[in-house]
Amino acid sequence: MFAEAGLLDGYDATTHWAFADGIARRHPRIRMRPENALVVTGEGHRLVMAGGGTSWSDLALYLISRLAGIEQAMDTARMNLVEWHAVGQQPYARLARSRQSGDAVIARCQVWIAEHYQEPAPVAAMVRLSELPERTFKRRFQRATGLSPLEYVHTLRLEEAKQMLETGDEPVEAIANAVGYEDAGFFGRLFRRKVGLAPVQYRRRFGAMRRSLTTV
């Protein structure tokens, strides 16, 4: 409603990560910040937005702090065992959100890369599979999926790495190699930039969550 009313034009904004891309396309003047669980913006900081479903607790604590004081907000958090979502929404988001292409050539490449993302030089392999000139392939891939071919490969690899971190205890270096990265340091930096947590931090948070849910 804020966006449709034009109140967010020229300002930062957030919403649930699953809807951020759609709003950004529909309202290009808004600076979407899907990595943030809470955004306060607009004239006089009168517009307050929360992201994912449980970010309502961040929103509630912020409003209590703003209207009643920081100590009251802290007391509320302690009383209700509320943990502030300092890491934002990125760790919870699925990276591979791109749609299946209606372009038959690109769709064929998507099917292939889903099974071969860990191979060396996967973009060059997709170019060969497409039988298109490289520049033409990259332009059509970007238009069809919303991502460059290399970004698409990274999203698939990191999504698989997230699953491996949640479900197993392999060393980070082994996971990096398994999904296609020979340089574990590069993998760690890329993972942190895209996900918002280092691989070890991600495993600690979401591996424990998965184990707890599995044993319930």
N, C-alpha and C. Protein backbone atom coordinates (compact mmCIF):
# COMPACT_ATOMS: atom_id res chain seq x y z
N MET A 1 0.83 -1.20 0.00
CA MET A 1 0.00 0.00 0.00
C MET A 1 0.87 1.26 0.00
N PHE A 2 1.95 1.23 0.77
CA PHE A 2 2.88 2.36 0.76
C PHE A 2 3.39 2.61 -0.65
N ALA A 3 3.78 1.52 -1.33
CA ALA A 3 4.35 1.65 -2.67
C ALA A 3 3.33 2.18 -3.66
N GLU A 4 2.12 1.60 -3.66
CA GLU A 4 1.09 2.03 -4.60
C GLU A 4 0.69 3.48 -4.38
N ALA A 5 0.79 3.94 -3.14
CA ALA A 5 0.45 5.33 -2.83
C ALA A 5 1.58 6.30 -3.18
N GLY A 6 2.73 5.77 -3.60
CA GLY A 6 3.85 6.63 -3.96
C GLY A 6 4.64 7.15 -2.79
N LEU A 7 4.36 6.65 -1.58
CA LEU A 7 5.02 7.18 -0.39
C LEU A 7 6.47 6.73 -0.26
N LEU A 8 6.85 5.69 -1.00
CA LEU A 8 8.20 5.15 -0.86
C LEU A 8 9.13 5.57 -2.00
N ASP A 9 8.64 6.34 -2.96
CA ASP A 9 9.48 6.75 -4.07
C ASP A 9 10.70 7.51 -3.56
N GLY A 10 11.88 7.02 -3.93
CA GLY A 10 13.12 7.68 -3.51
C GLY A 10 13.62 7.26 -2.15
N TYR A 11 12.91 6.33 -1.49
CA TYR A 11 13.29 5.91 -0.14
C TYR A 11 13.66 4.42 -0.12
N ASP A 12 14.36 4.02 0.95
CA ASP A 12 14.58 2.60 1.22
C ASP A 12 13.28 1.96 1.66
N ALA A 13 13.16 0.65 1.41
CA ALA A 13 11.97 -0.09 1.83
C ALA A 13 12.33 -1.55 1.98
N THR A 14 11.51 -2.28 2.73
CA THR A 14 11.67 -3.73 2.83
C THR A 14 10.31 -4.39 2.85
N THR A 15 10.31 -5.66 2.57
CA THR A 15 9.13 -6.51 2.69
C THR A 15 9.65 -7.94 2.77
N HIS A 16 8.76 -8.90 2.79
CA HIS A 16 9.23 -10.29 2.79
C HIS A 16 10.10 -10.52 1.57
N TRP A 17 11.21 -11.24 1.75
CA TRP A 17 12.17 -11.41 0.65
C TRP A 17 11.55 -12.01 -0.61
N ALA A 18 10.50 -12.82 -0.45
CA ALA A 18 9.91 -13.48 -1.61
C ALA A 18 9.20 -12.49 -2.54
N PHE A 19 8.83 -11.32 -2.03
CA PHE A 19 8.07 -10.35 -2.82
C PHE A 19 8.89 -9.13 -3.20
N ALA A 20 10.14 -9.04 -2.72
CA ALA A 20 10.94 -7.84 -2.94
C ALA A 20 11.23 -7.60 -4.42
N ASP A 21 11.56 -8.66 -5.16
CA ASP A 21 11.89 -8.49 -6.58
C ASP A 21 10.69 -7.97 -7.37
N GLY A 22 9.52 -8.49 -7.08
CA GLY A 22 8.32 -8.05 -7.79
C GLY A 22 8.00 -6.60 -7.53
N ILE A 23 8.14 -6.16 -6.29
CA ILE A 23 7.89 -4.75 -5.97
C ILE A 23 8.93 -3.87 -6.64
N ALA A 24 10.19 -4.32 -6.65
CA ALA A 24 11.24 -3.53 -7.28
C ALA A 24 10.97 -3.33 -8.77
N ARG A 25 10.46 -4.38 -9.44
CA ARG A 25 10.14 -4.26 -10.87
C ARG A 25 8.96 -3.33 -11.09
N ARG A 26 7.97 -3.42 -10.23
CA ARG A 26 6.75 -2.62 -10.39
C ARG A 26 6.98 -1.16 -10.00
N HIS A 27 7.89 -0.94 -9.04
CA HIS A 27 8.14 0.41 -8.53
C HIS A 27 9.64 0.68 -8.54
N PRO A 28 10.21 0.97 -9.70
CA PRO A 28 11.67 1.11 -9.80
C PRO A 28 12.24 2.28 -9.03
N ARG A 29 11.43 3.23 -8.60
CA ARG A 29 11.95 4.38 -7.85
C ARG A 29 12.17 4.06 -6.38
N ILE A 30 11.72 2.89 -5.95
CA ILE A 30 11.92 2.48 -4.55
C ILE A 30 13.24 1.74 -4.43
N ARG A 31 14.01 2.03 -3.38
CA ARG A 31 15.26 1.32 -3.12
C ARG A 31 14.95 0.14 -2.19
N MET A 32 14.68 -1.03 -2.78
CA MET A 32 14.33 -2.19 -1.98
C MET A 32 15.54 -2.71 -1.23
N ARG A 33 15.35 -3.05 0.04
CA ARG A 33 16.40 -3.59 0.90
C ARG A 33 15.90 -4.90 1.51
N PRO A 34 15.78 -5.95 0.69
CA PRO A 34 15.20 -7.21 1.20
C PRO A 34 16.08 -7.89 2.24
N GLU A 35 17.37 -7.49 2.32
CA GLU A 35 18.24 -8.07 3.34
C GLU A 35 17.91 -7.55 4.75
N ASN A 36 17.16 -6.44 4.83
CA ASN A 36 16.85 -5.84 6.12
C ASN A 36 15.52 -6.36 6.68
N ALA A 37 15.53 -6.76 7.94
CA ALA A 37 14.30 -7.21 8.58
C ALA A 37 13.42 -6.03 8.98
N LEU A 38 14.01 -4.84 9.13
CA LEU A 38 13.26 -3.67 9.56
C LEU A 38 13.83 -2.44 8.87
N VAL A 39 12.95 -1.59 8.32
CA VAL A 39 13.36 -0.33 7.71
C VAL A 39 12.45 0.78 8.22
N VAL A 40 13.06 1.86 8.64
CA VAL A 40 12.34 3.07 9.07
C VAL A 40 12.72 4.16 8.09
N THR A 41 11.74 4.76 7.42
CA THR A 41 12.06 5.68 6.33
C THR A 41 10.96 6.70 6.16
N GLY A 42 11.08 7.49 5.08
CA GLY A 42 10.07 8.48 4.77
C GLY A 42 10.27 9.76 5.55
N GLU A 43 9.47 10.75 5.20
CA GLU A 43 9.54 12.05 5.86
C GLU A 43 9.24 11.91 7.35
N GLY A 44 10.15 12.38 8.19
CA GLY A 44 9.97 12.28 9.63
C GLY A 44 10.04 10.87 10.15
N HIS A 45 10.59 9.95 9.35
CA HIS A 45 10.69 8.53 9.75
C HIS A 45 9.32 7.98 10.17
N ARG A 46 8.31 8.37 9.40
CA ARG A 46 6.95 7.95 9.76
C ARG A 46 6.55 6.61 9.15
N LEU A 47 7.35 6.10 8.23
CA LEU A 47 7.02 4.83 7.59
C LEU A 47 7.92 3.74 8.17
N VAL A 48 7.31 2.73 8.76
CA VAL A 48 8.05 1.64 9.40
C VAL A 48 7.59 0.33 8.77
N MET A 49 8.57 -0.44 8.27
CA MET A 49 8.25 -1.69 7.56
C MET A 49 9.07 -2.84 8.11
N ALA A 50 8.44 -4.00 8.23
CA ALA A 50 9.14 -5.22 8.63
C ALA A 50 9.19 -6.16 7.45
N GLY A 51 10.14 -7.11 7.48
CA GLY A 51 10.33 -8.02 6.36
C GLY A 51 9.58 -9.32 6.53
N GLY A 52 10.33 -10.41 6.82
CA GLY A 52 9.75 -11.74 6.92
C GLY A 52 8.72 -11.87 8.03
N GLY A 53 8.02 -13.00 8.03
CA GLY A 53 6.88 -13.20 8.92
C GLY A 53 7.15 -12.92 10.39
N THR A 54 8.29 -13.41 10.92
CA THR A 54 8.55 -13.20 12.34
C THR A 54 9.19 -11.86 12.63
N SER A 55 9.42 -11.04 11.59
CA SER A 55 9.98 -9.71 11.82
C SER A 55 8.98 -8.78 12.50
N TRP A 56 7.75 -9.24 12.66
CA TRP A 56 6.79 -8.42 13.40
C TRP A 56 7.30 -8.13 14.80
N SER A 57 8.09 -9.07 15.36
CA SER A 57 8.61 -8.84 16.72
C SER A 57 9.61 -7.70 16.73
N ASP A 58 10.46 -7.60 15.68
CA ASP A 58 11.36 -6.46 15.57
C ASP A 58 10.57 -5.17 15.45
N LEU A 59 9.52 -5.21 14.63
CA LEU A 59 8.67 -4.04 14.46
C LEU A 59 8.03 -3.63 15.78
N ALA A 60 7.50 -4.60 16.53
CA ALA A 60 6.87 -4.28 17.81
C ALA A 60 7.86 -3.67 18.79
N LEU A 61 9.06 -4.27 18.88
CA LEU A 61 10.06 -3.73 19.80
C LEU A 61 10.49 -2.33 19.41
N TYR A 62 10.64 -2.09 18.10
CA TYR A 62 11.01 -0.75 17.66
C TYR A 62 9.95 0.27 18.05
N LEU A 63 8.67 -0.08 17.82
CA LEU A 63 7.60 0.87 18.14
C LEU A 63 7.50 1.11 19.64
N ILE A 64 7.70 0.05 20.45
CA ILE A 64 7.68 0.23 21.90
C ILE A 64 8.82 1.15 22.33
N SER A 65 10.00 0.92 21.76
CA SER A 65 11.14 1.77 22.10
C SER A 65 10.90 3.21 21.70
N ARG A 66 10.34 3.41 20.53
CA ARG A 66 10.12 4.77 20.01
C ARG A 66 9.04 5.51 20.78
N LEU A 67 8.00 4.79 21.18
CA LEU A 67 6.86 5.45 21.81
C LEU A 67 6.88 5.40 23.34
N ALA A 68 7.52 4.35 23.90
CA ALA A 68 7.49 4.20 25.36
C ALA A 68 8.87 4.21 26.00
N GLY A 69 9.91 4.00 25.21
CA GLY A 69 11.26 4.05 25.78
C GLY A 69 12.01 2.74 25.60
N ILE A 70 13.33 2.85 25.59
CA ILE A 70 14.17 1.70 25.34
C ILE A 70 14.07 0.66 26.45
N GLU A 71 13.95 1.10 27.72
CA GLU A 71 13.87 0.15 28.81
C GLU A 71 12.61 -0.70 28.74
N GLN A 72 11.50 -0.06 28.36
CA GLN A 72 10.25 -0.82 28.20
C GLN A 72 10.38 -1.85 27.07
N ALA A 73 11.06 -1.46 25.99
CA ALA A 73 11.27 -2.40 24.89
C ALA A 73 12.15 -3.57 25.34
N MET A 74 13.21 -3.28 26.11
CA MET A 74 14.08 -4.34 26.60
C MET A 74 13.32 -5.27 27.54
N ASP A 75 12.50 -4.70 28.42
CA ASP A 75 11.70 -5.53 29.34
C ASP A 75 10.75 -6.44 28.56
N THR A 76 10.14 -5.90 27.50
CA THR A 76 9.23 -6.69 26.67
C THR A 76 9.97 -7.84 26.00
N ALA A 77 11.17 -7.56 25.51
CA ALA A 77 11.96 -8.59 24.85
C ALA A 77 12.32 -9.70 25.83
N ARG A 78 12.74 -9.31 27.03
CA ARG A 78 13.12 -10.32 28.03
C ARG A 78 11.91 -11.13 28.48
N MET A 79 10.79 -10.47 28.69
CA MET A 79 9.59 -11.16 29.15
C MET A 79 9.10 -12.19 28.14
N ASN A 80 9.23 -11.86 26.85
CA ASN A 80 8.69 -12.72 25.80
C ASN A 80 9.74 -13.53 25.07
N LEU A 81 10.98 -13.54 25.58
CA LEU A 81 12.07 -14.31 24.97
C LEU A 81 12.24 -13.96 23.50
N VAL A 82 12.18 -12.68 23.17
CA VAL A 82 12.29 -12.22 21.80
C VAL A 82 13.75 -11.99 21.46
N GLU A 83 14.20 -12.56 20.34
CA GLU A 83 15.55 -12.33 19.84
C GLU A 83 15.49 -11.42 18.63
N TRP A 84 16.25 -10.33 18.67
CA TRP A 84 16.28 -9.38 17.57
C TRP A 84 16.92 -10.03 16.35
N HIS A 85 16.31 -9.84 15.17
CA HIS A 85 16.82 -10.46 13.95
C HIS A 85 17.93 -9.59 13.34
N ALA A 86 19.06 -9.56 14.03
CA ALA A 86 20.15 -8.69 13.61
C ALA A 86 20.73 -9.07 12.26
N VAL A 87 20.65 -10.35 11.90
CA VAL A 87 21.24 -10.78 10.62
C VAL A 87 20.33 -10.51 9.44
N GLY A 88 19.11 -10.01 9.68
CA GLY A 88 18.22 -9.70 8.58
C GLY A 88 17.61 -10.95 7.94
N GLN A 89 17.15 -10.80 6.69
CA GLN A 89 16.42 -11.87 6.02
C GLN A 89 17.29 -12.75 5.13
N GLN A 90 18.50 -12.28 4.80
CA GLN A 90 19.29 -13.01 3.81
C GLN A 90 19.51 -14.48 4.14
N PRO A 91 19.85 -14.83 5.39
CA PRO A 91 20.10 -16.26 5.64
C PRO A 91 18.87 -17.14 5.43
N TYR A 92 17.68 -16.55 5.52
CA TYR A 92 16.46 -17.33 5.41
C TYR A 92 15.98 -17.44 3.96
N ALA A 93 16.49 -16.60 3.09
CA ALA A 93 15.99 -16.53 1.73
C ALA A 93 16.59 -17.63 0.87
N ARG A 94 15.79 -18.17 -0.02
CA ARG A 94 16.32 -19.08 -1.04
C ARG A 94 16.95 -18.22 -2.12
N LEU A 95 18.20 -18.53 -2.44
CA LEU A 95 18.91 -17.72 -3.42
C LEU A 95 18.41 -17.98 -4.83
N ALA A 96 18.07 -19.22 -5.15
CA ALA A 96 17.68 -19.57 -6.52
C ALA A 96 16.19 -19.31 -6.71
N ARG A 97 15.84 -18.04 -6.98
CA ARG A 97 14.44 -17.68 -7.09
C ARG A 97 14.03 -17.43 -8.54
N SER A 98 14.95 -17.59 -9.47
CA SER A 98 14.65 -17.24 -10.85
C SER A 98 13.65 -18.24 -11.45
N ARG A 99 12.83 -17.73 -12.32
CA ARG A 99 11.76 -18.54 -12.92
C ARG A 99 12.30 -19.40 -14.05
N GLN A 100 11.57 -20.47 -14.38
CA GLN A 100 11.93 -21.29 -15.54
C GLN A 100 11.62 -20.49 -16.80
N SER A 101 12.56 -20.43 -17.69
CA SER A 101 12.45 -19.56 -18.86
C SER A 101 11.45 -20.10 -19.87
N GLY A 102 10.75 -19.16 -20.55
CA GLY A 102 9.91 -19.53 -21.67
C GLY A 102 10.70 -19.62 -22.96
N ASP A 103 11.96 -19.21 -22.93
CA ASP A 103 12.87 -19.34 -24.07
C ASP A 103 13.38 -20.77 -24.09
N ALA A 104 13.03 -21.53 -25.11
CA ALA A 104 13.33 -22.97 -25.13
C ALA A 104 14.83 -23.25 -25.04
N VAL A 105 15.64 -22.43 -25.68
CA VAL A 105 17.09 -22.64 -25.64
C VAL A 105 17.61 -22.42 -24.23
N ILE A 106 17.19 -21.34 -23.62
CA ILE A 106 17.65 -21.03 -22.26
C ILE A 106 17.09 -22.05 -21.27
N ALA A 107 15.86 -22.48 -21.45
CA ALA A 107 15.28 -23.49 -20.58
C ALA A 107 16.08 -24.78 -20.62
N ARG A 108 16.54 -25.16 -21.83
CA ARG A 108 17.36 -26.36 -21.95
C ARG A 108 18.67 -26.20 -21.17
N CYS A 109 19.23 -25.01 -21.21
CA CYS A 109 20.46 -24.74 -20.45
C CYS A 109 20.19 -24.77 -18.95
N GLN A 110 19.03 -24.28 -18.52
CA GLN A 110 18.68 -24.32 -17.10
C GLN A 110 18.59 -25.76 -16.61
N VAL A 111 17.97 -26.61 -17.42
CA VAL A 111 17.86 -28.02 -17.04
C VAL A 111 19.25 -28.64 -16.92
N TRP A 112 20.12 -28.33 -17.88
CA TRP A 112 21.47 -28.90 -17.86
C TRP A 112 22.26 -28.41 -16.65
N ILE A 113 22.22 -27.11 -16.37
CA ILE A 113 23.05 -26.57 -15.30
C ILE A 113 22.55 -27.02 -13.93
N ALA A 114 21.28 -27.35 -13.81
CA ALA A 114 20.76 -27.85 -12.55
C ALA A 114 21.44 -29.14 -12.12
N GLU A 115 21.94 -29.91 -13.10
CA GLU A 115 22.62 -31.17 -12.82
C GLU A 115 24.14 -31.08 -12.91
N HIS A 116 24.66 -29.97 -13.46
CA HIS A 116 26.09 -29.88 -13.72
C HIS A 116 26.72 -28.60 -13.17
N TYR A 117 26.07 -27.93 -12.22
CA TYR A 117 26.58 -26.64 -11.73
C TYR A 117 27.96 -26.75 -11.10
N GLN A 118 28.33 -27.94 -10.64
CA GLN A 118 29.61 -28.10 -9.95
C GLN A 118 30.78 -28.28 -10.92
N GLU A 119 30.49 -28.42 -12.20
CA GLU A 119 31.55 -28.65 -13.17
C GLU A 119 32.36 -27.38 -13.42
N PRO A 120 33.62 -27.52 -13.84
CA PRO A 120 34.42 -26.33 -14.17
C PRO A 120 33.90 -25.65 -15.43
N ALA A 121 34.04 -24.32 -15.47
CA ALA A 121 33.62 -23.51 -16.62
C ALA A 121 32.20 -23.81 -17.06
N PRO A 122 31.22 -23.75 -16.17
CA PRO A 122 29.85 -24.12 -16.54
C PRO A 122 29.20 -23.13 -17.51
N VAL A 123 29.58 -21.85 -17.43
CA VAL A 123 28.98 -20.87 -18.35
C VAL A 123 29.42 -21.17 -19.77
N ALA A 124 30.70 -21.45 -19.97
CA ALA A 124 31.19 -21.79 -21.31
C ALA A 124 30.49 -23.04 -21.84
N ALA A 125 30.22 -23.99 -20.95
CA ALA A 125 29.53 -25.21 -21.36
C ALA A 125 28.10 -24.90 -21.80
N MET A 126 27.42 -23.99 -21.10
CA MET A 126 26.06 -23.61 -21.50
C MET A 126 26.06 -22.89 -22.84
N VAL A 127 27.08 -22.06 -23.07
CA VAL A 127 27.18 -21.37 -24.36
C VAL A 127 27.28 -22.39 -25.49
N ARG A 128 28.12 -23.41 -25.29
CA ARG A 128 28.25 -24.45 -26.31
C ARG A 128 26.94 -25.20 -26.50
N LEU A 129 26.26 -25.51 -25.39
CA LEU A 129 24.99 -26.22 -25.47
C LEU A 129 23.94 -25.41 -26.23
N SER A 130 23.95 -24.11 -26.03
CA SER A 130 22.94 -23.25 -26.67
C SER A 130 23.16 -23.08 -28.15
N GLU A 131 24.42 -23.27 -28.61
CA GLU A 131 24.79 -23.06 -30.01
C GLU A 131 24.54 -21.63 -30.45
N LEU A 132 24.61 -20.69 -29.49
CA LEU A 132 24.46 -19.27 -29.78
C LEU A 132 25.81 -18.58 -29.63
N PRO A 133 26.00 -17.44 -30.31
CA PRO A 133 27.17 -16.62 -29.99
C PRO A 133 27.16 -16.25 -28.50
N GLU A 134 28.32 -16.15 -27.89
CA GLU A 134 28.40 -15.93 -26.45
C GLU A 134 27.63 -14.70 -26.00
N ARG A 135 27.80 -13.58 -26.69
CA ARG A 135 27.11 -12.35 -26.28
C ARG A 135 25.60 -12.50 -26.41
N THR A 136 25.16 -13.16 -27.46
CA THR A 136 23.73 -13.39 -27.65
C THR A 136 23.18 -14.27 -26.53
N PHE A 137 23.92 -15.34 -26.21
CA PHE A 137 23.48 -16.24 -25.14
C PHE A 137 23.35 -15.49 -23.82
N LYS A 138 24.35 -14.72 -23.46
CA LYS A 138 24.32 -14.02 -22.18
C LYS A 138 23.18 -13.01 -22.13
N ARG A 139 22.93 -12.33 -23.23
CA ARG A 139 21.83 -11.37 -23.26
C ARG A 139 20.49 -12.07 -23.11
N ARG A 140 20.30 -13.18 -23.83
CA ARG A 140 19.03 -13.91 -23.73
C ARG A 140 18.86 -14.55 -22.37
N PHE A 141 19.95 -15.06 -21.77
CA PHE A 141 19.87 -15.68 -20.46
C PHE A 141 19.46 -14.64 -19.41
N GLN A 142 20.07 -13.48 -19.46
CA GLN A 142 19.74 -12.41 -18.51
C GLN A 142 18.28 -12.00 -18.65
N ARG A 143 17.83 -11.84 -19.90
CA ARG A 143 16.44 -11.44 -20.13
C ARG A 143 15.47 -12.50 -19.65
N ALA A 144 15.83 -13.77 -19.84
CA ALA A 144 14.91 -14.86 -19.51
C ALA A 144 14.85 -15.17 -18.02
N THR A 145 15.97 -15.04 -17.31
CA THR A 145 16.02 -15.47 -15.91
C THR A 145 16.15 -14.32 -14.92
N GLY A 146 16.55 -13.15 -15.39
CA GLY A 146 16.78 -12.03 -14.48
C GLY A 146 18.16 -12.05 -13.86
N LEU A 147 18.98 -13.02 -14.22
CA LEU A 147 20.34 -13.14 -13.70
C LEU A 147 21.31 -13.37 -14.85
N SER A 148 22.54 -12.94 -14.66
CA SER A 148 23.57 -13.30 -15.63
C SER A 148 23.85 -14.80 -15.48
N PRO A 149 24.42 -15.45 -16.50
CA PRO A 149 24.72 -16.88 -16.37
C PRO A 149 25.59 -17.19 -15.17
N LEU A 150 26.61 -16.37 -14.91
CA LEU A 150 27.49 -16.63 -13.78
C LEU A 150 26.76 -16.45 -12.45
N GLU A 151 25.94 -15.43 -12.34
CA GLU A 151 25.14 -15.24 -11.11
C GLU A 151 24.21 -16.44 -10.89
N TYR A 152 23.65 -16.94 -11.96
CA TYR A 152 22.74 -18.09 -11.87
C TYR A 152 23.48 -19.31 -11.34
N VAL A 153 24.69 -19.55 -11.86
CA VAL A 153 25.51 -20.66 -11.38
C VAL A 153 25.81 -20.50 -9.89
N HIS A 154 26.21 -19.29 -9.50
CA HIS A 154 26.51 -19.04 -8.08
C HIS A 154 25.30 -19.33 -7.19
N THR A 155 24.10 -18.93 -7.64
CA THR A 155 22.92 -19.16 -6.80
C THR A 155 22.66 -20.64 -6.61
N LEU A 156 22.81 -21.42 -7.69
CA LEU A 156 22.60 -22.87 -7.57
C LEU A 156 23.63 -23.49 -6.65
N ARG A 157 24.88 -23.10 -6.81
CA ARG A 157 25.94 -23.66 -5.97
C ARG A 157 25.74 -23.31 -4.50
N LEU A 158 25.40 -22.07 -4.23
CA LEU A 158 25.24 -21.65 -2.83
C LEU A 158 24.01 -22.27 -2.20
N GLU A 159 22.97 -22.48 -2.98
CA GLU A 159 21.77 -23.13 -2.43
C GLU A 159 22.09 -24.57 -2.03
N GLU A 160 22.87 -25.27 -2.87
CA GLU A 160 23.28 -26.62 -2.53
C GLU A 160 24.19 -26.61 -1.31
N ALA A 161 25.09 -25.63 -1.24
CA ALA A 161 25.98 -25.53 -0.09
C ALA A 161 25.19 -25.31 1.19
N LYS A 162 24.13 -24.51 1.14
CA LYS A 162 23.29 -24.28 2.31
C LYS A 162 22.68 -25.60 2.80
N GLN A 163 22.19 -26.40 1.85
CA GLN A 163 21.61 -27.69 2.22
C GLN A 163 22.66 -28.60 2.86
N MET A 164 23.86 -28.61 2.31
CA MET A 164 24.92 -29.46 2.85
C MET A 164 25.34 -29.01 4.24
N LEU A 165 25.37 -27.71 4.45
CA LEU A 165 25.73 -27.18 5.77
C LEU A 165 24.66 -27.52 6.80
N GLU A 166 23.40 -27.52 6.39
CA GLU A 166 22.31 -27.82 7.31
C GLU A 166 22.26 -29.30 7.68
N THR A 167 22.57 -30.17 6.73
CA THR A 167 22.28 -31.59 6.93
C THR A 167 23.50 -32.44 7.23
N GLY A 168 24.70 -31.93 7.05
CA GLY A 168 25.89 -32.74 7.26
C GLY A 168 26.94 -32.05 8.09
N ASP A 169 28.07 -32.74 8.28
CA ASP A 169 29.15 -32.18 9.07
C ASP A 169 30.47 -32.15 8.29
N GLU A 170 30.38 -32.17 6.96
CA GLU A 170 31.58 -32.09 6.15
C GLU A 170 32.28 -30.74 6.39
N PRO A 171 33.61 -30.72 6.31
CA PRO A 171 34.32 -29.45 6.44
C PRO A 171 33.88 -28.46 5.36
N VAL A 172 33.96 -27.18 5.67
CA VAL A 172 33.57 -26.15 4.71
C VAL A 172 34.37 -26.28 3.42
N GLU A 173 35.65 -26.61 3.55
CA GLU A 173 36.49 -26.76 2.36
C GLU A 173 35.96 -27.87 1.44
N ALA A 174 35.51 -28.97 2.04
CA ALA A 174 34.97 -30.08 1.25
C ALA A 174 33.66 -29.68 0.56
N ILE A 175 32.84 -28.91 1.25
CA ILE A 175 31.58 -28.45 0.66
C ILE A 175 31.87 -27.51 -0.50
N ALA A 176 32.81 -26.60 -0.29
CA ALA A 176 33.18 -25.67 -1.37
C ALA A 176 33.59 -26.44 -2.61
N ASN A 177 34.42 -27.46 -2.43
CA ASN A 177 34.89 -28.25 -3.56
C ASN A 177 33.75 -29.03 -4.20
N ALA A 178 32.84 -29.54 -3.38
CA ALA A 178 31.74 -30.36 -3.89
C ALA A 178 30.79 -29.57 -4.78
N VAL A 179 30.61 -28.28 -4.48
CA VAL A 179 29.68 -27.48 -5.28
C VAL A 179 30.37 -26.73 -6.41
N GLY A 180 31.70 -26.89 -6.52
CA GLY A 180 32.37 -26.34 -7.69
C GLY A 180 33.41 -25.27 -7.46
N TYR A 181 33.77 -25.00 -6.18
CA TYR A 181 34.75 -23.96 -5.90
C TYR A 181 36.06 -24.59 -5.41
N GLU A 182 37.13 -24.41 -6.15
CA GLU A 182 38.43 -24.93 -5.73
C GLU A 182 39.03 -24.08 -4.62
N ASP A 183 38.70 -22.80 -4.60
CA ASP A 183 39.22 -21.87 -3.61
C ASP A 183 38.20 -21.72 -2.49
N ALA A 184 38.46 -22.35 -1.34
CA ALA A 184 37.51 -22.28 -0.22
C ALA A 184 37.39 -20.87 0.33
N GLY A 185 38.48 -20.08 0.25
CA GLY A 185 38.42 -18.70 0.72
C GLY A 185 37.46 -17.87 -0.11
N PHE A 186 37.51 -18.05 -1.43
CA PHE A 186 36.56 -17.34 -2.31
C PHE A 186 35.14 -17.77 -2.00
N PHE A 187 34.94 -19.09 -1.83
CA PHE A 187 33.60 -19.60 -1.49
C PHE A 187 33.09 -18.95 -0.21
N GLY A 188 33.94 -18.86 0.82
CA GLY A 188 33.51 -18.28 2.08
C GLY A 188 33.12 -16.82 1.94
N ARG A 189 33.90 -16.07 1.18
CA ARG A 189 33.58 -14.64 0.99
C ARG A 189 32.30 -14.47 0.19
N LEU A 190 32.13 -15.28 -0.85
CA LEU A 190 30.91 -15.21 -1.66
C LEU A 190 29.69 -15.60 -0.83
N PHE A 191 29.81 -16.66 -0.05
CA PHE A 191 28.70 -17.12 0.78
C PHE A 191 28.29 -16.03 1.76
N ARG A 192 29.25 -15.41 2.41
CA ARG A 192 28.93 -14.37 3.39
C ARG A 192 28.26 -13.17 2.72
N ARG A 193 28.75 -12.80 1.52
CA ARG A 193 28.17 -11.65 0.84
C ARG A 193 26.74 -11.92 0.40
N LYS A 194 26.48 -13.14 -0.09
CA LYS A 194 25.15 -13.45 -0.61
C LYS A 194 24.17 -13.86 0.47
N VAL A 195 24.64 -14.55 1.49
CA VAL A 195 23.75 -15.12 2.51
C VAL A 195 23.69 -14.26 3.76
N GLY A 196 24.74 -13.52 4.04
CA GLY A 196 24.75 -12.66 5.22
C GLY A 196 25.39 -13.29 6.44
N LEU A 197 25.80 -14.54 6.34
CA LEU A 197 26.49 -15.25 7.41
C LEU A 197 27.65 -16.02 6.80
N ALA A 198 28.71 -16.21 7.58
CA ALA A 198 29.78 -17.10 7.15
C ALA A 198 29.26 -18.54 7.15
N PRO A 199 29.84 -19.43 6.35
CA PRO A 199 29.36 -20.82 6.31
C PRO A 199 29.27 -21.47 7.68
N VAL A 200 30.28 -21.27 8.52
CA VAL A 200 30.26 -21.88 9.86
C VAL A 200 29.12 -21.31 10.69
N GLN A 201 28.87 -20.01 10.59
CA GLN A 201 27.76 -19.40 11.32
C GLN A 201 26.42 -19.93 10.82
N TYR A 202 26.31 -20.10 9.50
CA TYR A 202 25.08 -20.62 8.92
C TYR A 202 24.82 -22.03 9.44
N ARG A 203 25.85 -22.86 9.44
CA ARG A 203 25.68 -24.24 9.94
C ARG A 203 25.25 -24.23 11.40
N ARG A 204 25.87 -23.39 12.20
CA ARG A 204 25.55 -23.36 13.62
C ARG A 204 24.08 -22.99 13.84
N ARG A 205 23.60 -22.02 13.07
CA ARG A 205 22.23 -21.55 13.26
C ARG A 205 21.21 -22.51 12.67
N PHE A 206 21.39 -22.91 11.41
CA PHE A 206 20.35 -23.66 10.72
C PHE A 206 20.52 -25.16 10.84
N GLY A 207 21.74 -25.63 11.07
CA GLY A 207 21.92 -27.05 11.35
C GLY A 207 21.22 -27.43 12.65
N ALA A 208 21.39 -26.58 13.66
CA ALA A 208 20.73 -26.85 14.95
C ALA A 208 19.22 -26.77 14.80
N MET A 209 18.75 -25.82 14.01
CA MET A 209 17.31 -25.70 13.79
C MET A 209 16.75 -26.94 13.11
N ARG A 210 17.43 -27.42 12.07
CA ARG A 210 16.96 -28.60 11.35
C ARG A 210 16.96 -29.83 12.27
N ARG A 211 18.03 -29.99 13.07
CA ARG A 211 18.09 -31.13 13.98
C ARG A 211 16.97 -31.09 15.01
N SER A 212 16.69 -29.89 15.52
CA SER A 212 15.62 -29.76 16.50
C SER A 212 14.27 -30.12 15.90
N LEU A 213 14.02 -29.63 14.68
CA LEU A 213 12.75 -29.91 14.04
C LEU A 213 12.61 -31.39 13.69
N THR A 214 13.73 -32.02 13.34
CA THR A 214 13.70 -33.43 12.97
C THR A 214 13.37 -34.34 14.14
N THR A 215 13.77 -33.92 15.34
CA THR A 215 13.58 -34.76 16.51
C THR A 215 12.26 -34.49 17.24
N VAL A 216 11.53 -33.49 16.77
CA VAL A 216 10.25 -33.18 17.44
C VAL A 216 9.24 -34.31 17.21
